[in-house]
Amino acid sequence: MKEAALKLLSELMKNSHRSDRELAKATGLSQPTVSRIRARLEKERYISEYTVIPDFEKLGYEIAAMTFVKLKRTIVSPEQIEEARRSAREKLKNSHFAIIMLERGLGIEYDAVLIALYKNYTEYVEHMKELGSYEFLETFAIESFIINLKDPVHYRPLTFKKLAEHMLTIKKPVNEQAQSTPSMR
């Protein structure tokens, strides 16, 4: 990614509500250049959506949780894995919980992480019981890190501003780093 595109992406991550004119001023680029680069970033899917990050506590959520889950080790064949994926998609489609992210990964002996918001602790417990009914998950291996959104002390709430600033300090272009990172299966 070229430096101009990286600067623009960084500014959009800080505040995507700004006009191309305001972004041009912030990046030192011309307004037509900003418009052209923004269109290219959208077309190439460097930008997948524009959104806001609300104050979840003000919206009535008391808890944010990162829940780590482990697949049953008996699920090993491609058919079993596909059936587990299909089942998970179906359950997610019918879920009434505010699930922000669900991704596979590696680390701390778990296979996936789920990030969700809950109106209260009772709703969180209800969701954990539901996860325990997933036939492809190890019920003994469901662990959560719970954040009290009503806590008056917040060290660094969810924002992309710091990531936007950090991106500008990386010397190696972001797309080259992605090419050198092995993919997870």
C-alpha atoms as a PDB file:
ATOM      1  CA  MET A   1       0.000   0.000   0.000  1.00  0.00           C
ATOM      2  CA  LYS A   2       1.378   3.383  -0.948  1.00  0.00           C
ATOM      3  CA  GLU A   3       2.000   6.022   1.693  1.00  0.00           C
ATOM      4  CA  ALA A   4      -0.852   8.293   0.520  1.00  0.00           C
ATOM      5  CA  ALA A   5      -3.363   5.441   0.706  1.00  0.00           C
ATOM      6  CA  LEU A   6      -2.063   4.433   4.126  1.00  0.00           C
ATOM      7  CA  LYS A   7      -2.430   8.021   5.407  1.00  0.00           C
ATOM      8  CA  LEU A   8      -5.975   8.212   4.061  1.00  0.00           C
ATOM      9  CA  LEU A   9      -6.932   4.861   5.546  1.00  0.00           C
ATOM     10  CA  SER A  10      -5.478   5.947   8.875  1.00  0.00           C
ATOM     11  CA  GLU A  11      -7.495   9.171   8.846  1.00  0.00           C
ATOM     12  CA  LEU A  12     -10.670   7.299   7.901  1.00  0.00           C
ATOM     13  CA  MET A  13     -10.132   4.894  10.806  1.00  0.00           C
ATOM     14  CA  LYS A  14      -9.845   7.845  13.167  1.00  0.00           C
ATOM     15  CA  ASN A  15     -13.073   9.397  11.867  1.00  0.00           C
ATOM     16  CA  SER A  16     -14.802   8.171   8.710  1.00  0.00           C
ATOM     17  CA  HIS A  17     -17.509  10.805   9.080  1.00  0.00           C
ATOM     18  CA  ARG A  18     -15.300  13.511   7.550  1.00  0.00           C
ATOM     19  CA  SER A  19     -15.749  14.785   4.008  1.00  0.00           C
ATOM     20  CA  ASP A  20     -13.125  14.263   1.319  1.00  0.00           C
ATOM     21  CA  ARG A  21     -12.268  17.961   1.667  1.00  0.00           C
ATOM     22  CA  GLU A  22     -11.565  17.535   5.398  1.00  0.00           C
ATOM     23  CA  LEU A  23      -9.589  14.352   4.721  1.00  0.00           C
ATOM     24  CA  ALA A  24      -7.535  16.150   2.070  1.00  0.00           C
ATOM     25  CA  LYS A  25      -6.599  18.814   4.597  1.00  0.00           C
ATOM     26  CA  ALA A  26      -5.667  16.192   7.217  1.00  0.00           C
ATOM     27  CA  THR A  27      -3.532  14.143   4.806  1.00  0.00           C
ATOM     28  CA  GLY A  28      -1.988  16.938   2.729  1.00  0.00           C
ATOM     29  CA  LEU A  29      -3.465  15.442  -0.444  1.00  0.00           C
ATOM     30  CA  SER A  30      -5.769  17.125  -2.937  1.00  0.00           C
ATOM     31  CA  GLN A  31      -9.497  16.474  -2.678  1.00  0.00           C
ATOM     32  CA  PRO A  32      -9.668  14.656  -6.074  1.00  0.00           C
ATOM     33  CA  THR A  33      -6.738  12.454  -4.988  1.00  0.00           C
ATOM     34  CA  VAL A  34      -8.522  11.611  -1.741  1.00  0.00           C
ATOM     35  CA  SER A  35     -11.713  10.731  -3.655  1.00  0.00           C
ATOM     36  CA  ARG A  36      -9.791   8.563  -6.125  1.00  0.00           C
ATOM     37  CA  ILE A  37      -7.804   6.737  -3.405  1.00  0.00           C
ATOM     38  CA  ARG A  38     -10.933   6.212  -1.270  1.00  0.00           C
ATOM     39  CA  ALA A  39     -12.765   4.678  -4.258  1.00  0.00           C
ATOM     40  CA  ARG A  40      -9.820   2.359  -4.940  1.00  0.00           C
ATOM     41  CA  LEU A  41      -9.576   1.314  -1.273  1.00  0.00           C
ATOM     42  CA  GLU A  42     -13.285   0.471  -1.298  1.00  0.00           C
ATOM     43  CA  LYS A  43     -13.075  -1.409  -4.619  1.00  0.00           C
ATOM     44  CA  GLU A  44     -10.055  -3.430  -3.447  1.00  0.00           C
ATOM     45  CA  ARG A  45     -11.814  -4.118  -0.094  1.00  0.00           C
ATOM     46  CA  TYR A  46      -9.200  -2.437   2.094  1.00  0.00           C
ATOM     47  CA  ILE A  47     -12.329  -0.695   3.394  1.00  0.00           C
ATOM     48  CA  SER A  48     -15.109  -3.185   3.997  1.00  0.00           C
ATOM     49  CA  GLU A  49     -17.556  -0.890   5.798  1.00  0.00           C
ATOM     50  CA  TYR A  50     -18.048   2.467   7.441  1.00  0.00           C
ATOM     51  CA  THR A  51     -19.421   2.349  10.942  1.00  0.00           C
ATOM     52  CA  VAL A  52     -19.442   4.009  14.345  1.00  0.00           C
ATOM     53  CA  ILE A  53     -18.368   2.597  17.682  1.00  0.00           C
ATOM     54  CA  PRO A  54     -21.081   3.577  20.146  1.00  0.00           C
ATOM     55  CA  ASP A  55     -20.830   3.721  23.905  1.00  0.00           C
ATOM     56  CA  PHE A  56     -22.156   0.215  24.597  1.00  0.00           C
ATOM     57  CA  GLU A  57     -22.879   0.955  28.250  1.00  0.00           C
ATOM     58  CA  LYS A  58     -25.145   3.866  27.266  1.00  0.00           C
ATOM     59  CA  LEU A  59     -26.982   1.476  24.927  1.00  0.00           C
ATOM     60  CA  GLY A  60     -27.818  -0.742  27.909  1.00  0.00           C
ATOM     61  CA  TYR A  61     -25.086  -3.373  27.799  1.00  0.00           C
ATOM     62  CA  GLU A  62     -23.414  -4.148  31.124  1.00  0.00           C
ATOM     63  CA  ILE A  63     -20.990  -6.845  30.005  1.00  0.00           C
ATOM     64  CA  ALA A  64     -18.581  -7.434  27.142  1.00  0.00           C
ATOM     65  CA  ALA A  65     -17.034 -10.891  27.043  1.00  0.00           C
ATOM     66  CA  MET A  66     -14.316 -12.617  25.089  1.00  0.00           C
ATOM     67  CA  THR A  67     -15.169 -16.303  25.209  1.00  0.00           C
ATOM     68  CA  PHE A  68     -12.691 -18.952  24.123  1.00  0.00           C
ATOM     69  CA  VAL A  69     -13.935 -22.328  22.884  1.00  0.00           C
ATOM     70  CA  LYS A  70     -12.376 -25.612  21.865  1.00  0.00           C
ATOM     71  CA  LEU A  71     -13.583 -27.996  19.169  1.00  0.00           C
ATOM     72  CA  LYS A  72     -14.061 -31.624  20.088  1.00  0.00           C
ATOM     73  CA  ARG A  73     -11.012 -33.577  18.983  1.00  0.00           C
ATOM     74  CA  THR A  74     -13.283 -36.214  17.466  1.00  0.00           C
ATOM     75  CA  ILE A  75     -14.106 -33.735  14.691  1.00  0.00           C
ATOM     76  CA  VAL A  76     -11.281 -34.421  12.290  1.00  0.00           C
ATOM     77  CA  SER A  77     -12.617 -35.335   8.862  1.00  0.00           C
ATOM     78  CA  PRO A  78     -13.425 -32.618   6.315  1.00  0.00           C
ATOM     79  CA  GLU A  79     -17.067 -33.734   6.396  1.00  0.00           C
ATOM     80  CA  GLN A  80     -17.258 -33.393  10.187  1.00  0.00           C
ATOM     81  CA  ILE A  81     -15.627 -29.967  10.059  1.00  0.00           C
ATOM     82  CA  GLU A  82     -18.078 -28.793   7.386  1.00  0.00           C
ATOM     83  CA  GLU A  83     -21.010 -30.115   9.421  1.00  0.00           C
ATOM     84  CA  ALA A  84     -19.739 -28.226  12.501  1.00  0.00           C
ATOM     85  CA  ARG A  85     -19.448 -25.035  10.407  1.00  0.00           C
ATOM     86  CA  ARG A  86     -22.965 -25.492   9.010  1.00  0.00           C
ATOM     87  CA  SER A  87     -24.352 -26.085  12.496  1.00  0.00           C
ATOM     88  CA  ALA A  88     -22.529 -23.001  13.859  1.00  0.00           C
ATOM     89  CA  ARG A  89     -23.834 -20.804  11.001  1.00  0.00           C
ATOM     90  CA  GLU A  90     -27.383 -21.990  11.659  1.00  0.00           C
ATOM     91  CA  LYS A  91     -27.119 -21.402  15.405  1.00  0.00           C
ATOM     92  CA  LEU A  92     -25.606 -17.944  14.854  1.00  0.00           C
ATOM     93  CA  LYS A  93     -28.369 -17.026  12.412  1.00  0.00           C
ATOM     94  CA  ASN A  94     -30.972 -17.824  15.075  1.00  0.00           C
ATOM     95  CA  SER A  95     -29.056 -16.365  18.028  1.00  0.00           C
ATOM     96  CA  HIS A  96     -30.518 -13.372  19.855  1.00  0.00           C
ATOM     97  CA  PHE A  97     -27.208 -12.478  21.509  1.00  0.00           C
ATOM     98  CA  ALA A  98     -25.130  -9.456  20.402  1.00  0.00           C
ATOM     99  CA  ILE A  99     -22.201 -11.370  18.923  1.00  0.00           C
ATOM    100  CA  ILE A 100     -19.664  -8.903  17.541  1.00  0.00           C
ATOM    101  CA  MET A 101     -17.069 -11.384  16.318  1.00  0.00           C
ATOM    102  CA  LEU A 102     -16.566 -15.123  16.010  1.00  0.00           C
ATOM    103  CA  GLU A 103     -13.294 -16.303  14.510  1.00  0.00           C
ATOM    104  CA  ARG A 104     -11.088 -19.367  14.479  1.00  0.00           C
ATOM    105  CA  GLY A 105      -7.529 -19.029  15.630  1.00  0.00           C
ATOM    106  CA  LEU A 106      -4.684 -20.531  17.598  1.00  0.00           C
ATOM    107  CA  GLY A 107      -3.461 -19.966  21.104  1.00  0.00           C
ATOM    108  CA  ILE A 108      -3.914 -20.784  24.772  1.00  0.00           C
ATOM    109  CA  GLU A 109      -5.143 -24.234  23.678  1.00  0.00           C
ATOM    110  CA  TYR A 110      -8.416 -22.931  22.190  1.00  0.00           C
ATOM    111  CA  ASP A 111      -9.684 -23.022  18.616  1.00  0.00           C
ATOM    112  CA  ALA A 112     -11.942 -19.966  18.448  1.00  0.00           C
ATOM    113  CA  VAL A 113     -12.858 -16.726  20.158  1.00  0.00           C
ATOM    114  CA  LEU A 114     -16.284 -15.143  20.411  1.00  0.00           C
ATOM    115  CA  ILE A 115     -16.736 -11.500  21.409  1.00  0.00           C
ATOM    116  CA  ALA A 116     -20.221 -10.502  22.524  1.00  0.00           C
ATOM    117  CA  LEU A 117     -22.165  -7.891  24.477  1.00  0.00           C
ATOM    118  CA  TYR A 118     -24.748  -8.708  27.131  1.00  0.00           C
ATOM    119  CA  LYS A 119     -27.457  -6.642  28.819  1.00  0.00           C
ATOM    120  CA  ASN A 120     -26.634  -8.299  32.141  1.00  0.00           C
ATOM    121  CA  TYR A 121     -24.892 -11.257  33.762  1.00  0.00           C
ATOM    122  CA  THR A 122     -28.001 -13.428  33.490  1.00  0.00           C
ATOM    123  CA  GLU A 123     -27.979 -13.039  29.710  1.00  0.00           C
ATOM    124  CA  TYR A 124     -24.274 -13.939  29.650  1.00  0.00           C
ATOM    125  CA  VAL A 125     -24.944 -17.120  31.674  1.00  0.00           C
ATOM    126  CA  GLU A 126     -27.799 -18.017  29.323  1.00  0.00           C
ATOM    127  CA  HIS A 127     -25.447 -17.706  26.348  1.00  0.00           C
ATOM    128  CA  MET A 128     -22.783 -19.862  28.019  1.00  0.00           C
ATOM    129  CA  LYS A 129     -25.416 -22.564  28.626  1.00  0.00           C
ATOM    130  CA  GLU A 130     -26.376 -22.357  24.954  1.00  0.00           C
ATOM    131  CA  LEU A 131     -22.737 -22.728  23.898  1.00  0.00           C
ATOM    132  CA  GLY A 132     -22.551 -25.811  26.103  1.00  0.00           C
ATOM    133  CA  SER A 133     -25.247 -27.403  23.936  1.00  0.00           C
ATOM    134  CA  TYR A 134     -23.183 -27.123  20.741  1.00  0.00           C
ATOM    135  CA  GLU A 135     -22.388 -30.747  19.924  1.00  0.00           C
ATOM    136  CA  PHE A 136     -19.041 -29.869  18.316  1.00  0.00           C
ATOM    137  CA  LEU A 137     -17.620 -27.911  21.288  1.00  0.00           C
ATOM    138  CA  GLU A 138     -15.846 -29.289  24.328  1.00  0.00           C
ATOM    139  CA  THR A 139     -18.150 -28.195  27.141  1.00  0.00           C
ATOM    140  CA  PHE A 140     -15.326 -28.333  29.695  1.00  0.00           C
ATOM    141  CA  ALA A 141     -13.253 -25.937  27.558  1.00  0.00           C
ATOM    142  CA  ILE A 142     -15.327 -22.767  27.400  1.00  0.00           C
ATOM    143  CA  GLU A 143     -13.624 -19.868  29.162  1.00  0.00           C
ATOM    144  CA  SER A 144     -14.452 -16.172  29.217  1.00  0.00           C
ATOM    145  CA  PHE A 145     -12.797 -12.891  30.022  1.00  0.00           C
ATOM    146  CA  ILE A 146     -15.603 -10.606  31.204  1.00  0.00           C
ATOM    147  CA  ILE A 147     -15.476  -6.807  31.095  1.00  0.00           C
ATOM    148  CA  ASN A 148     -17.819  -4.755  33.276  1.00  0.00           C
ATOM    149  CA  LEU A 149     -18.883  -1.886  31.018  1.00  0.00           C
ATOM    150  CA  LYS A 150     -20.255  -0.013  34.038  1.00  0.00           C
ATOM    151  CA  ASP A 151     -16.818   0.104  35.681  1.00  0.00           C
ATOM    152  CA  PRO A 152     -15.873   3.788  36.049  1.00  0.00           C
ATOM    153  CA  VAL A 153     -12.242   3.036  35.138  1.00  0.00           C
ATOM    154  CA  HIS A 154     -11.452   2.246  31.493  1.00  0.00           C
ATOM    155  CA  TYR A 155      -7.815   1.989  30.448  1.00  0.00           C
ATOM    156  CA  ARG A 156      -8.343   2.081  26.691  1.00  0.00           C
ATOM    157  CA  PRO A 157     -11.869   1.548  25.420  1.00  0.00           C
ATOM    158  CA  LEU A 158     -12.537   0.056  21.991  1.00  0.00           C
ATOM    159  CA  THR A 159     -11.386   2.436  19.289  1.00  0.00           C
ATOM    160  CA  PHE A 160      -9.434   2.284  16.058  1.00  0.00           C
ATOM    161  CA  LYS A 161      -7.600   5.578  16.564  1.00  0.00           C
ATOM    162  CA  LYS A 162      -4.541   3.969  18.158  1.00  0.00           C
ATOM    163  CA  LEU A 163      -4.399   1.312  15.443  1.00  0.00           C
ATOM    164  CA  ALA A 164      -4.657   4.055  12.810  1.00  0.00           C
ATOM    165  CA  GLU A 165      -1.708   5.884  14.375  1.00  0.00           C
ATOM    166  CA  HIS A 166       0.286   2.657  14.701  1.00  0.00           C
ATOM    167  CA  MET A 167      -0.209   1.742  11.032  1.00  0.00           C
ATOM    168  CA  LEU A 168       1.699   4.857  10.031  1.00  0.00           C
ATOM    169  CA  THR A 169       4.741   3.720  12.038  1.00  0.00           C
ATOM    170  CA  ILE A 170       5.093   0.398  10.226  1.00  0.00           C
ATOM    171  CA  LYS A 171       7.980   0.516   7.771  1.00  0.00           C
ATOM    172  CA  LYS A 172       7.060  -2.585   5.747  1.00  0.00           C
ATOM    173  CA  PRO A 173       3.899  -2.104   3.638  1.00  0.00           C
ATOM    174  CA  VAL A 174       0.861  -3.792   5.192  1.00  0.00           C
ATOM    175  CA  ASN A 175       0.037  -5.899   2.101  1.00  0.00           C
ATOM    176  CA  GLU A 176       3.593  -7.307   2.046  1.00  0.00           C
ATOM    177  CA  GLN A 177       3.251  -8.354   5.685  1.00  0.00           C
ATOM    178  CA  ALA A 178       0.000 -10.182   4.899  1.00  0.00           C
ATOM    179  CA  GLN A 179       1.722 -12.092   2.107  1.00  0.00           C
ATOM    180  CA  SER A 180       4.499 -13.257   4.430  1.00  0.00           C
ATOM    181  CA  THR A 181       2.109 -14.354   7.221  1.00  0.00           C
ATOM    182  CA  PRO A 182       1.066 -18.013   7.024  1.00  0.00           C
ATOM    183  CA  SER A 183      -2.693 -18.515   6.815  1.00  0.00           C
ATOM    184  CA  MET A 184      -4.620 -20.527   9.388  1.00  0.00           C
ATOM    185  CA  ARG A 185      -6.792 -23.402   8.225  1.00  0.00           C
END
